[in-house]
Amino acid sequence: MKLIAMAVLLLAATMVLGWFASPSVGTVAGLPGLVILFASIFAVQWLGFFHAWLYNTEHYFDLLGSLSFAGAAIAAWWWSSGGLVATLLLCMVVIWALRLGSFLFLRIREVGEDQRFRKIKRSPARFFLVWNLQGLWISLTSSAALTAMLGGVSEPIEIVSIIGVLMWCTGLLFEAMADYQKTQFRRDPAKAQRFIASGLWSICQHPNYSGEILLWWGVAVTALPTFSGGQWLTLISPIFVVLLLTRISGIPSLAAKAARQWGDDPEYQAYVAVTPRLIPRWPTARGASD
């Protein structure tokens, strides 16, 4: 029961943000557009949960999450009066979502399961909560972009937005390259049980997360010139991404898993000692585990 209550609280908190941050335009039956989009995102996750629970599968979890990002962005853009900034934000969110979603879906198809769900699936309440957490992740992370698109500002693009687009491009390239390098590394049977310390993984321990954080800051910076009033609340978007990846589910869990697997390996100890976790830095002379 507590887990269900937590899921309800997540939904309520998201609705409050949507109510105060939504632009004054684009209401339906008196409900702000951002509230409607957030509610739709959660509704899609609930449908996803029921399918996953009935068929005891987590294979579509990441894919549905990514499609929810893309769907919400398309809806917000369609709802708005367009404009160059709105169109740029639409492309930024959709391209990122389709790239990451397809990558994660194909990875699960290749390995056969998502190990994170081995224990979670045994409890319907925990499984339901995880789907609601995904709804929270999608809503908060996309909130800056959705708010800017709903606002329908069609003024000429400002230098701040151009800087944001460049940040996004750099972050997306960094994330995609890191994912590709690790995938290729894992496909080598001789390296399957080793840690990767080559390519982008030689200049920081989590380059995929570095790229993801940078690209979402890029989205927020692109949207900045359109903000006014409560819309500034959606700057929680990149802050939430940073906290999620560095304090909650990203780096902490991966670091703990790596410590259990390679904690006694002198090469891994040396790698961790000289390689920053998140902010890239060119490596000093040392051997690479590749």
C-alpha atoms as a PDB file:
ATOM      1  CA  MET A   1       0.000   0.000   0.000  1.00  0.00           C
ATOM      2  CA  LYS A   2       2.873   2.365   0.775  1.00  0.00           C
ATOM      3  CA  LEU A   3       4.295   1.873  -2.714  1.00  0.00           C
ATOM      4  CA  ILE A   4       0.949   2.699  -4.293  1.00  0.00           C
ATOM      5  CA  ALA A   5       0.728   5.826  -2.130  1.00  0.00           C
ATOM      6  CA  MET A   6       4.209   6.829  -3.310  1.00  0.00           C
ATOM      7  CA  ALA A   7       3.092   6.437  -6.917  1.00  0.00           C
ATOM      8  CA  VAL A   8       0.088   8.705  -6.259  1.00  0.00           C
ATOM      9  CA  LEU A   9       2.356  11.299  -4.620  1.00  0.00           C
ATOM     10  CA  LEU A  10       4.677  11.273  -7.638  1.00  0.00           C
ATOM     11  CA  LEU A  11       1.734  11.957  -9.915  1.00  0.00           C
ATOM     12  CA  ALA A  12       0.403  14.713  -7.651  1.00  0.00           C
ATOM     13  CA  ALA A  13       3.781  16.451  -7.393  1.00  0.00           C
ATOM     14  CA  THR A  14       4.167  16.381 -11.163  1.00  0.00           C
ATOM     15  CA  MET A  15       0.691  17.830 -11.651  1.00  0.00           C
ATOM     16  CA  VAL A  16       1.500  20.701  -9.277  1.00  0.00           C
ATOM     17  CA  LEU A  17       4.595  21.569 -11.312  1.00  0.00           C
ATOM     18  CA  GLY A  18       2.565  21.387 -14.505  1.00  0.00           C
ATOM     19  CA  TRP A  19      -0.114  23.673 -13.097  1.00  0.00           C
ATOM     20  CA  PHE A  20       2.257  26.472 -12.047  1.00  0.00           C
ATOM     21  CA  ALA A  21       4.779  26.174 -14.887  1.00  0.00           C
ATOM     22  CA  SER A  22       2.423  25.837 -17.844  1.00  0.00           C
ATOM     23  CA  PRO A  23       2.076  28.840 -20.170  1.00  0.00           C
ATOM     24  CA  SER A  24      -1.248  30.654 -20.024  1.00  0.00           C
ATOM     25  CA  VAL A  25      -2.027  29.653 -23.615  1.00  0.00           C
ATOM     26  CA  GLY A  26      -3.124  26.206 -24.678  1.00  0.00           C
ATOM     27  CA  THR A  27      -5.647  25.245 -22.007  1.00  0.00           C
ATOM     28  CA  VAL A  28      -8.314  22.582 -22.478  1.00  0.00           C
ATOM     29  CA  ALA A  29     -11.449  22.645 -20.302  1.00  0.00           C
ATOM     30  CA  GLY A  30      -9.592  24.985 -17.971  1.00  0.00           C
ATOM     31  CA  LEU A  31      -6.633  22.608 -17.543  1.00  0.00           C
ATOM     32  CA  PRO A  32      -3.153  23.883 -18.431  1.00  0.00           C
ATOM     33  CA  GLY A  33      -1.493  22.167 -21.364  1.00  0.00           C
ATOM     34  CA  LEU A  34       1.484  20.978 -19.316  1.00  0.00           C
ATOM     35  CA  VAL A  35      -0.841  19.274 -16.822  1.00  0.00           C
ATOM     36  CA  ILE A  36      -2.580  17.430 -19.657  1.00  0.00           C
ATOM     37  CA  LEU A  37       0.737  16.326 -21.154  1.00  0.00           C
ATOM     38  CA  PHE A  38       2.057  15.130 -17.794  1.00  0.00           C
ATOM     39  CA  ALA A  39      -1.167  13.225 -17.082  1.00  0.00           C
ATOM     40  CA  SER A  40      -0.951  11.611 -20.518  1.00  0.00           C
ATOM     41  CA  ILE A  41       2.654  10.570 -19.879  1.00  0.00           C
ATOM     42  CA  PHE A  42       1.663   8.832 -16.645  1.00  0.00           C
ATOM     43  CA  ALA A  43      -1.358   7.213 -18.310  1.00  0.00           C
ATOM     44  CA  VAL A  44       0.893   5.697 -20.976  1.00  0.00           C
ATOM     45  CA  GLN A  45       3.207   4.322 -18.276  1.00  0.00           C
ATOM     46  CA  TRP A  46       0.230   2.729 -16.504  1.00  0.00           C
ATOM     47  CA  LEU A  47      -0.813   1.012 -19.726  1.00  0.00           C
ATOM     48  CA  GLY A  48       2.764  -0.130 -20.144  1.00  0.00           C
ATOM     49  CA  PHE A  49       2.762  -1.540 -16.623  1.00  0.00           C
ATOM     50  CA  PHE A  50      -0.397  -3.560 -17.198  1.00  0.00           C
ATOM     51  CA  HIS A  51       1.045  -5.107 -20.350  1.00  0.00           C
ATOM     52  CA  ALA A  52       4.402  -5.794 -18.669  1.00  0.00           C
ATOM     53  CA  TRP A  53       2.719  -7.304 -15.611  1.00  0.00           C
ATOM     54  CA  LEU A  54       0.408  -9.529 -17.628  1.00  0.00           C
ATOM     55  CA  TYR A  55       3.245 -10.868 -19.775  1.00  0.00           C
ATOM     56  CA  ASN A  56       5.943 -10.702 -17.080  1.00  0.00           C
ATOM     57  CA  THR A  57       8.287  -8.704 -19.286  1.00  0.00           C
ATOM     58  CA  GLU A  58      10.394  -5.588 -19.014  1.00  0.00           C
ATOM     59  CA  HIS A  59      11.524  -5.614 -22.645  1.00  0.00           C
ATOM     60  CA  TYR A  60       9.462  -2.572 -23.642  1.00  0.00           C
ATOM     61  CA  PHE A  61      10.135  -0.428 -20.569  1.00  0.00           C
ATOM     62  CA  ASP A  62      12.871   1.784 -22.035  1.00  0.00           C
ATOM     63  CA  LEU A  63      11.326   1.832 -25.494  1.00  0.00           C
ATOM     64  CA  LEU A  64       7.956   3.026 -24.184  1.00  0.00           C
ATOM     65  CA  GLY A  65       9.702   5.652 -22.084  1.00  0.00           C
ATOM     66  CA  SER A  66      11.534   7.016 -25.104  1.00  0.00           C
ATOM     67  CA  LEU A  67       8.389   6.975 -27.241  1.00  0.00           C
ATOM     68  CA  SER A  68       6.617   8.882 -24.445  1.00  0.00           C
ATOM     69  CA  PHE A  69       9.294  11.603 -24.650  1.00  0.00           C
ATOM     70  CA  ALA A  70       8.829  11.829 -28.406  1.00  0.00           C
ATOM     71  CA  GLY A  71       5.026  11.714 -28.234  1.00  0.00           C
ATOM     72  CA  ALA A  72       4.810  14.458 -25.610  1.00  0.00           C
ATOM     73  CA  ALA A  73       7.152  16.680 -27.624  1.00  0.00           C
ATOM     74  CA  ILE A  74       5.179  16.164 -30.826  1.00  0.00           C
ATOM     75  CA  ALA A  75       1.918  16.923 -29.012  1.00  0.00           C
ATOM     76  CA  ALA A  76       3.339  20.108 -27.458  1.00  0.00           C
ATOM     77  CA  TRP A  77       4.683  21.303 -30.813  1.00  0.00           C
ATOM     78  CA  TRP A  78       1.415  20.538 -32.584  1.00  0.00           C
ATOM     79  CA  TRP A  79      -0.472  22.347 -29.825  1.00  0.00           C
ATOM     80  CA  SER A  80       1.698  25.445 -30.124  1.00  0.00           C
ATOM     81  CA  SER A  81       1.852  28.067 -32.863  1.00  0.00           C
ATOM     82  CA  GLY A  82       5.209  26.741 -34.004  1.00  0.00           C
ATOM     83  CA  GLY A  83       8.244  28.946 -34.347  1.00  0.00           C
ATOM     84  CA  LEU A  84      11.915  28.173 -34.884  1.00  0.00           C
ATOM     85  CA  VAL A  85      12.768  27.578 -31.214  1.00  0.00           C
ATOM     86  CA  ALA A  86       9.797  25.241 -30.754  1.00  0.00           C
ATOM     87  CA  THR A  87      10.749  23.291 -33.872  1.00  0.00           C
ATOM     88  CA  LEU A  88      14.369  23.024 -32.752  1.00  0.00           C
ATOM     89  CA  LEU A  89      13.270  21.736 -29.346  1.00  0.00           C
ATOM     90  CA  LEU A  90      10.951  19.228 -31.003  1.00  0.00           C
ATOM     91  CA  CYS A  91      13.812  17.870 -33.112  1.00  0.00           C
ATOM     92  CA  MET A  92      16.194  17.788 -30.138  1.00  0.00           C
ATOM     93  CA  VAL A  93      13.861  15.773 -27.920  1.00  0.00           C
ATOM     94  CA  VAL A  94      12.637  13.405 -30.648  1.00  0.00           C
ATOM     95  CA  ILE A  95      16.101  12.650 -32.069  1.00  0.00           C
ATOM     96  CA  TRP A  96      17.504  11.953 -28.596  1.00  0.00           C
ATOM     97  CA  ALA A  97      14.513   9.806 -27.618  1.00  0.00           C
ATOM     98  CA  LEU A  98      14.526   7.679 -30.755  1.00  0.00           C
ATOM     99  CA  ARG A  99      18.302   7.201 -30.618  1.00  0.00           C
ATOM    100  CA  LEU A 100      18.395   6.170 -26.965  1.00  0.00           C
ATOM    101  CA  GLY A 101      15.165   4.183 -27.045  1.00  0.00           C
ATOM    102  CA  SER A 102      16.199   2.074 -30.016  1.00  0.00           C
ATOM    103  CA  PHE A 103      19.652   1.526 -28.536  1.00  0.00           C
ATOM    104  CA  LEU A 104      18.297   0.318 -25.192  1.00  0.00           C
ATOM    105  CA  PHE A 105      15.584  -1.824 -26.788  1.00  0.00           C
ATOM    106  CA  LEU A 106      18.030  -3.561 -29.118  1.00  0.00           C
ATOM    107  CA  ARG A 107      20.463  -4.077 -26.254  1.00  0.00           C
ATOM    108  CA  ILE A 108      17.819  -5.845 -24.190  1.00  0.00           C
ATOM    109  CA  ARG A 109      16.850  -7.954 -27.194  1.00  0.00           C
ATOM    110  CA  GLU A 110      20.498  -8.942 -27.587  1.00  0.00           C
ATOM    111  CA  VAL A 111      21.204  -9.844 -23.943  1.00  0.00           C
ATOM    112  CA  GLY A 112      17.717 -11.256 -23.247  1.00  0.00           C
ATOM    113  CA  GLU A 113      16.760  -9.320 -20.113  1.00  0.00           C
ATOM    114  CA  ASP A 114      17.196  -6.169 -18.074  1.00  0.00           C
ATOM    115  CA  GLN A 115      18.813  -7.348 -14.846  1.00  0.00           C
ATOM    116  CA  ARG A 116      17.426  -4.383 -12.917  1.00  0.00           C
ATOM    117  CA  PHE A 117      13.975  -5.999 -13.021  1.00  0.00           C
ATOM    118  CA  ARG A 118      14.826  -9.497 -11.786  1.00  0.00           C
ATOM    119  CA  LYS A 119      13.586  -8.798  -8.260  1.00  0.00           C
ATOM    120  CA  ILE A 120      11.294  -5.872  -9.029  1.00  0.00           C
ATOM    121  CA  LYS A 121       8.959  -7.934 -11.238  1.00  0.00           C
ATOM    122  CA  ARG A 122       8.183 -10.265  -8.338  1.00  0.00           C
ATOM    123  CA  SER A 123       6.189  -7.498  -6.632  1.00  0.00           C
ATOM    124  CA  PRO A 124       3.363  -5.901  -8.657  1.00  0.00           C
ATOM    125  CA  ALA A 125       3.433  -2.855  -6.366  1.00  0.00           C
ATOM    126  CA  ARG A 126       7.172  -2.305  -6.838  1.00  0.00           C
ATOM    127  CA  PHE A 127       6.838  -2.892 -10.561  1.00  0.00           C
ATOM    128  CA  PHE A 128       4.005  -0.334 -10.727  1.00  0.00           C
ATOM    129  CA  LEU A 129       6.075   2.178  -8.759  1.00  0.00           C
ATOM    130  CA  VAL A 130       8.974   1.841 -11.197  1.00  0.00           C
ATOM    131  CA  TRP A 131       6.679   2.644 -14.118  1.00  0.00           C
ATOM    132  CA  ASN A 132       5.478   5.717 -12.216  1.00  0.00           C
ATOM    133  CA  LEU A 133       9.056   6.730 -11.566  1.00  0.00           C
ATOM    134  CA  GLN A 134       9.578   6.582 -15.306  1.00  0.00           C
ATOM    135  CA  GLY A 135       6.583   8.880 -15.702  1.00  0.00           C
ATOM    136  CA  LEU A 136       8.208  11.307 -13.266  1.00  0.00           C
ATOM    137  CA  TRP A 137      11.517  11.071 -15.137  1.00  0.00           C
ATOM    138  CA  ILE A 138       9.889  11.807 -18.495  1.00  0.00           C
ATOM    139  CA  SER A 139       7.760  14.661 -17.145  1.00  0.00           C
ATOM    140  CA  LEU A 140      10.491  16.488 -15.227  1.00  0.00           C
ATOM    141  CA  THR A 141      13.231  15.927 -17.782  1.00  0.00           C
ATOM    142  CA  SER A 142      11.144  17.158 -20.711  1.00  0.00           C
ATOM    143  CA  SER A 143       9.397  19.953 -18.800  1.00  0.00           C
ATOM    144  CA  ALA A 144      11.619  22.819 -20.029  1.00  0.00           C
ATOM    145  CA  ALA A 145      11.213  21.796 -23.667  1.00  0.00           C
ATOM    146  CA  LEU A 146       7.458  21.164 -23.376  1.00  0.00           C
ATOM    147  CA  THR A 147       6.865  24.491 -21.644  1.00  0.00           C
ATOM    148  CA  ALA A 148       8.809  26.408 -24.288  1.00  0.00           C
ATOM    149  CA  MET A 149       6.939  24.679 -27.101  1.00  0.00           C
ATOM    150  CA  LEU A 150       3.527  25.240 -25.484  1.00  0.00           C
ATOM    151  CA  GLY A 151       4.349  28.924 -25.089  1.00  0.00           C
ATOM    152  CA  GLY A 152       4.373  29.263 -28.857  1.00  0.00           C
ATOM    153  CA  VAL A 153       7.012  32.034 -28.948  1.00  0.00           C
ATOM    154  CA  SER A 154       7.888  32.659 -32.588  1.00  0.00           C
ATOM    155  CA  GLU A 155      10.450  35.463 -32.196  1.00  0.00           C
ATOM    156  CA  PRO A 156      13.803  35.231 -34.029  1.00  0.00           C
ATOM    157  CA  ILE A 157      16.218  32.800 -32.390  1.00  0.00           C
ATOM    158  CA  GLU A 158      18.612  34.370 -29.862  1.00  0.00           C
ATOM    159  CA  ILE A 159      22.299  33.633 -29.318  1.00  0.00           C
ATOM    160  CA  VAL A 160      21.446  31.863 -26.047  1.00  0.00           C
ATOM    161  CA  SER A 161      19.339  29.315 -27.919  1.00  0.00           C
ATOM    162  CA  ILE A 162      22.105  28.788 -30.483  1.00  0.00           C
ATOM    163  CA  ILE A 163      24.534  28.040 -27.646  1.00  0.00           C
ATOM    164  CA  GLY A 164      21.987  25.581 -26.246  1.00  0.00           C
ATOM    165  CA  VAL A 165      21.699  23.774 -29.581  1.00  0.00           C
ATOM    166  CA  LEU A 166      25.502  23.444 -29.777  1.00  0.00           C
ATOM    167  CA  MET A 167      25.561  22.049 -26.234  1.00  0.00           C
ATOM    168  CA  TRP A 168      22.893  19.531 -27.209  1.00  0.00           C
ATOM    169  CA  CYS A 169      24.759  18.460 -30.346  1.00  0.00           C
ATOM    170  CA  THR A 170      27.962  17.937 -28.373  1.00  0.00           C
ATOM    171  CA  GLY A 171      26.192  16.004 -25.631  1.00  0.00           C
ATOM    172  CA  LEU A 172      24.285  13.776 -28.051  1.00  0.00           C
ATOM    173  CA  LEU A 173      27.462  12.938 -29.980  1.00  0.00           C
ATOM    174  CA  PHE A 174      29.305  12.181 -26.746  1.00  0.00           C
ATOM    175  CA  GLU A 175      26.519   9.924 -25.443  1.00  0.00           C
ATOM    176  CA  ALA A 176      26.051   8.072 -28.736  1.00  0.00           C
ATOM    177  CA  MET A 177      29.791   7.495 -29.207  1.00  0.00           C
ATOM    178  CA  ALA A 178      30.165   6.232 -25.642  1.00  0.00           C
ATOM    179  CA  ASP A 179      27.273   3.796 -26.062  1.00  0.00           C
ATOM    180  CA  TYR A 180      28.680   2.545 -29.374  1.00  0.00           C
ATOM    181  CA  GLN A 181      32.176   2.054 -27.968  1.00  0.00           C
ATOM    182  CA  LYS A 182      30.932   0.112 -24.963  1.00  0.00           C
ATOM    183  CA  THR A 183      28.650  -2.056 -27.107  1.00  0.00           C
ATOM    184  CA  GLN A 184      31.531  -2.978 -29.414  1.00  0.00           C
ATOM    185  CA  PHE A 185      33.758  -3.654 -26.404  1.00  0.00           C
ATOM    186  CA  ARG A 186      31.220  -6.026 -24.858  1.00  0.00           C
ATOM    187  CA  ARG A 187      30.787  -7.967 -28.093  1.00  0.00           C
ATOM    188  CA  ASP A 188      34.407  -9.110 -27.939  1.00  0.00           C
ATOM    189  CA  PRO A 189      34.310 -12.425 -25.994  1.00  0.00           C
ATOM    190  CA  ALA A 190      37.793 -11.775 -24.631  1.00  0.00           C
ATOM    191  CA  LYS A 191      36.584  -8.517 -23.033  1.00  0.00           C
ATOM    192  CA  ALA A 192      33.086  -9.522 -21.952  1.00  0.00           C
ATOM    193  CA  GLN A 193      34.032  -9.662 -18.268  1.00  0.00           C
ATOM    194  CA  ARG A 194      36.449  -6.724 -18.346  1.00  0.00           C
ATOM    195  CA  PHE A 195      35.884  -3.040 -17.684  1.00  0.00           C
ATOM    196  CA  ILE A 196      36.219  -0.591 -20.560  1.00  0.00           C
ATOM    197  CA  ALA A 197      38.986   2.001 -20.294  1.00  0.00           C
ATOM    198  CA  SER A 198      39.455   2.939 -23.935  1.00  0.00           C
ATOM    199  CA  GLY A 199      38.031   5.630 -26.221  1.00  0.00           C
ATOM    200  CA  LEU A 200      35.822   8.117 -24.411  1.00  0.00           C
ATOM    201  CA  TRP A 201      35.889   5.786 -21.414  1.00  0.00           C
ATOM    202  CA  SER A 202      39.555   6.667 -20.963  1.00  0.00           C
ATOM    203  CA  ILE A 203      38.804  10.329 -20.233  1.00  0.00           C
ATOM    204  CA  CYS A 204      35.952   9.756 -17.772  1.00  0.00           C
ATOM    205  CA  GLN A 205      34.270   6.767 -16.178  1.00  0.00           C
ATOM    206  CA  HIS A 206      30.737   7.565 -17.393  1.00  0.00           C
ATOM    207  CA  PRO A 207      30.958   9.456 -20.711  1.00  0.00           C
ATOM    208  CA  ASN A 208      27.423   8.424 -21.686  1.00  0.00           C
ATOM    209  CA  TYR A 209      26.091  10.195 -18.597  1.00  0.00           C
ATOM    210  CA  SER A 210      28.332  13.205 -19.265  1.00  0.00           C
ATOM    211  CA  GLY A 211      26.750  13.480 -22.699  1.00  0.00           C
ATOM    212  CA  GLU A 212      23.218  13.066 -21.370  1.00  0.00           C
ATOM    213  CA  ILE A 213      23.657  15.773 -18.752  1.00  0.00           C
ATOM    214  CA  LEU A 214      25.178  18.172 -21.291  1.00  0.00           C
ATOM    215  CA  LEU A 215      22.443  17.640 -23.868  1.00  0.00           C
ATOM    216  CA  TRP A 216      19.630  18.265 -21.369  1.00  0.00           C
ATOM    217  CA  TRP A 217      21.338  21.432 -20.185  1.00  0.00           C
ATOM    218  CA  GLY A 218      21.476  22.307 -23.873  1.00  0.00           C
ATOM    219  CA  VAL A 219      17.714  21.789 -24.173  1.00  0.00           C
ATOM    220  CA  ALA A 220      17.097  24.038 -21.153  1.00  0.00           C
ATOM    221  CA  VAL A 221      19.440  26.758 -22.434  1.00  0.00           C
ATOM    222  CA  THR A 222      17.737  26.646 -25.842  1.00  0.00           C
ATOM    223  CA  ALA A 223      14.378  27.168 -24.140  1.00  0.00           C
ATOM    224  CA  LEU A 224      15.541  29.965 -21.798  1.00  0.00           C
ATOM    225  CA  PRO A 225      14.607  32.972 -23.957  1.00  0.00           C
ATOM    226  CA  THR A 226      10.970  31.815 -24.056  1.00  0.00           C
ATOM    227  CA  PHE A 227      10.520  31.637 -20.264  1.00  0.00           C
ATOM    228  CA  SER A 228       8.503  33.993 -18.108  1.00  0.00           C
ATOM    229  CA  GLY A 229       6.793  33.736 -14.730  1.00  0.00           C
ATOM    230  CA  GLY A 230       6.256  30.195 -13.476  1.00  0.00           C
ATOM    231  CA  GLN A 231       7.894  28.716 -16.552  1.00  0.00           C
ATOM    232  CA  TRP A 232      11.253  29.256 -14.864  1.00  0.00           C
ATOM    233  CA  LEU A 233      10.299  26.388 -12.548  1.00  0.00           C
ATOM    234  CA  THR A 234      11.017  23.993 -15.383  1.00  0.00           C
ATOM    235  CA  LEU A 235      14.728  24.637 -14.977  1.00  0.00           C
ATOM    236  CA  ILE A 236      14.321  21.731 -12.596  1.00  0.00           C
ATOM    237  CA  SER A 237      14.710  19.634 -15.776  1.00  0.00           C
ATOM    238  CA  PRO A 238      18.531  19.594 -16.138  1.00  0.00           C
ATOM    239  CA  ILE A 239      18.995  19.757 -12.355  1.00  0.00           C
ATOM    240  CA  PHE A 240      16.851  16.645 -11.993  1.00  0.00           C
ATOM    241  CA  VAL A 241      18.907  14.862 -14.664  1.00  0.00           C
ATOM    242  CA  VAL A 242      22.131  15.674 -12.792  1.00  0.00           C
ATOM    243  CA  LEU A 243      20.731  14.471  -9.459  1.00  0.00           C
ATOM    244  CA  LEU A 244      19.237  11.333 -11.011  1.00  0.00           C
ATOM    245  CA  LEU A 245      22.447  10.257 -12.715  1.00  0.00           C
ATOM    246  CA  THR A 246      24.928  11.278 -10.020  1.00  0.00           C
ATOM    247  CA  ARG A 247      23.032  10.666  -6.790  1.00  0.00           C
ATOM    248  CA  ILE A 248      20.127   8.257  -7.342  1.00  0.00           C
ATOM    249  CA  SER A 249      20.097   5.575 -10.024  1.00  0.00           C
ATOM    250  CA  GLY A 250      22.997   6.163 -12.369  1.00  0.00           C
ATOM    251  CA  ILE A 251      26.575   6.418 -11.176  1.00  0.00           C
ATOM    252  CA  PRO A 252      26.043   5.149  -7.586  1.00  0.00           C
ATOM    253  CA  SER A 253      24.548   1.817  -8.658  1.00  0.00           C
ATOM    254  CA  LEU A 254      27.064   1.291 -11.463  1.00  0.00           C
ATOM    255  CA  ALA A 255      29.986   2.192  -9.216  1.00  0.00           C
ATOM    256  CA  ALA A 256      28.805  -0.276  -6.566  1.00  0.00           C
ATOM    257  CA  LYS A 257      28.408  -3.026  -9.169  1.00  0.00           C
ATOM    258  CA  ALA A 258      31.852  -2.313 -10.623  1.00  0.00           C
ATOM    259  CA  ALA A 259      33.428  -2.368  -7.167  1.00  0.00           C
ATOM    260  CA  ARG A 260      31.951  -5.808  -6.511  1.00  0.00           C
ATOM    261  CA  GLN A 261      33.142  -7.113  -9.866  1.00  0.00           C
ATOM    262  CA  TRP A 262      36.582  -5.530 -10.208  1.00  0.00           C
ATOM    263  CA  GLY A 263      37.275  -3.940  -6.829  1.00  0.00           C
ATOM    264  CA  ASP A 264      40.298  -6.190  -6.199  1.00  0.00           C
ATOM    265  CA  ASP A 265      41.735  -5.732  -9.694  1.00  0.00           C
ATOM    266  CA  PRO A 266      44.845  -3.476  -9.555  1.00  0.00           C
ATOM    267  CA  GLU A 267      44.163  -2.245 -13.115  1.00  0.00           C
ATOM    268  CA  TYR A 268      40.647  -1.186 -12.155  1.00  0.00           C
ATOM    269  CA  GLN A 269      41.901   0.487  -8.982  1.00  0.00           C
ATOM    270  CA  ALA A 270      44.416   2.453 -11.062  1.00  0.00           C
ATOM    271  CA  TYR A 271      41.724   3.394 -13.592  1.00  0.00           C
ATOM    272  CA  VAL A 272      39.368   4.690 -10.898  1.00  0.00           C
ATOM    273  CA  ALA A 273      42.176   6.559  -9.157  1.00  0.00           C
ATOM    274  CA  VAL A 274      43.160   8.672 -12.177  1.00  0.00           C
ATOM    275  CA  THR A 275      39.980   8.858 -14.259  1.00  0.00           C
ATOM    276  CA  PRO A 276      37.303  11.428 -13.294  1.00  0.00           C
ATOM    277  CA  ARG A 277      33.789  10.075 -12.914  1.00  0.00           C
ATOM    278  CA  LEU A 278      31.911  12.598 -15.014  1.00  0.00           C
ATOM    279  CA  ILE A 279      33.879  15.612 -16.275  1.00  0.00           C
ATOM    280  CA  PRO A 280      36.202  14.409 -19.065  1.00  0.00           C
ATOM    281  CA  ARG A 281      39.942  14.831 -18.711  1.00  0.00           C
ATOM    282  CA  TRP A 282      42.668  13.553 -21.010  1.00  0.00           C
ATOM    283  CA  PRO A 283      44.295  10.533 -19.382  1.00  0.00           C
ATOM    284  CA  THR A 284      47.821  10.425 -18.085  1.00  0.00           C
ATOM    285  CA  ALA A 285      50.174   7.752 -19.375  1.00  0.00           C
ATOM    286  CA  ARG A 286      48.934   4.403 -18.123  1.00  0.00           C
ATOM    287  CA  GLY A 287      47.858   1.051 -19.413  1.00  0.00           C
ATOM    288  CA  ALA A 288      44.351   0.591 -20.713  1.00  0.00           C
ATOM    289  CA  SER A 289      42.258  -2.471 -20.045  1.00  0.00           C
ATOM    290  CA  ASP A 290      41.496  -3.189 -23.680  1.00  0.00           C
END
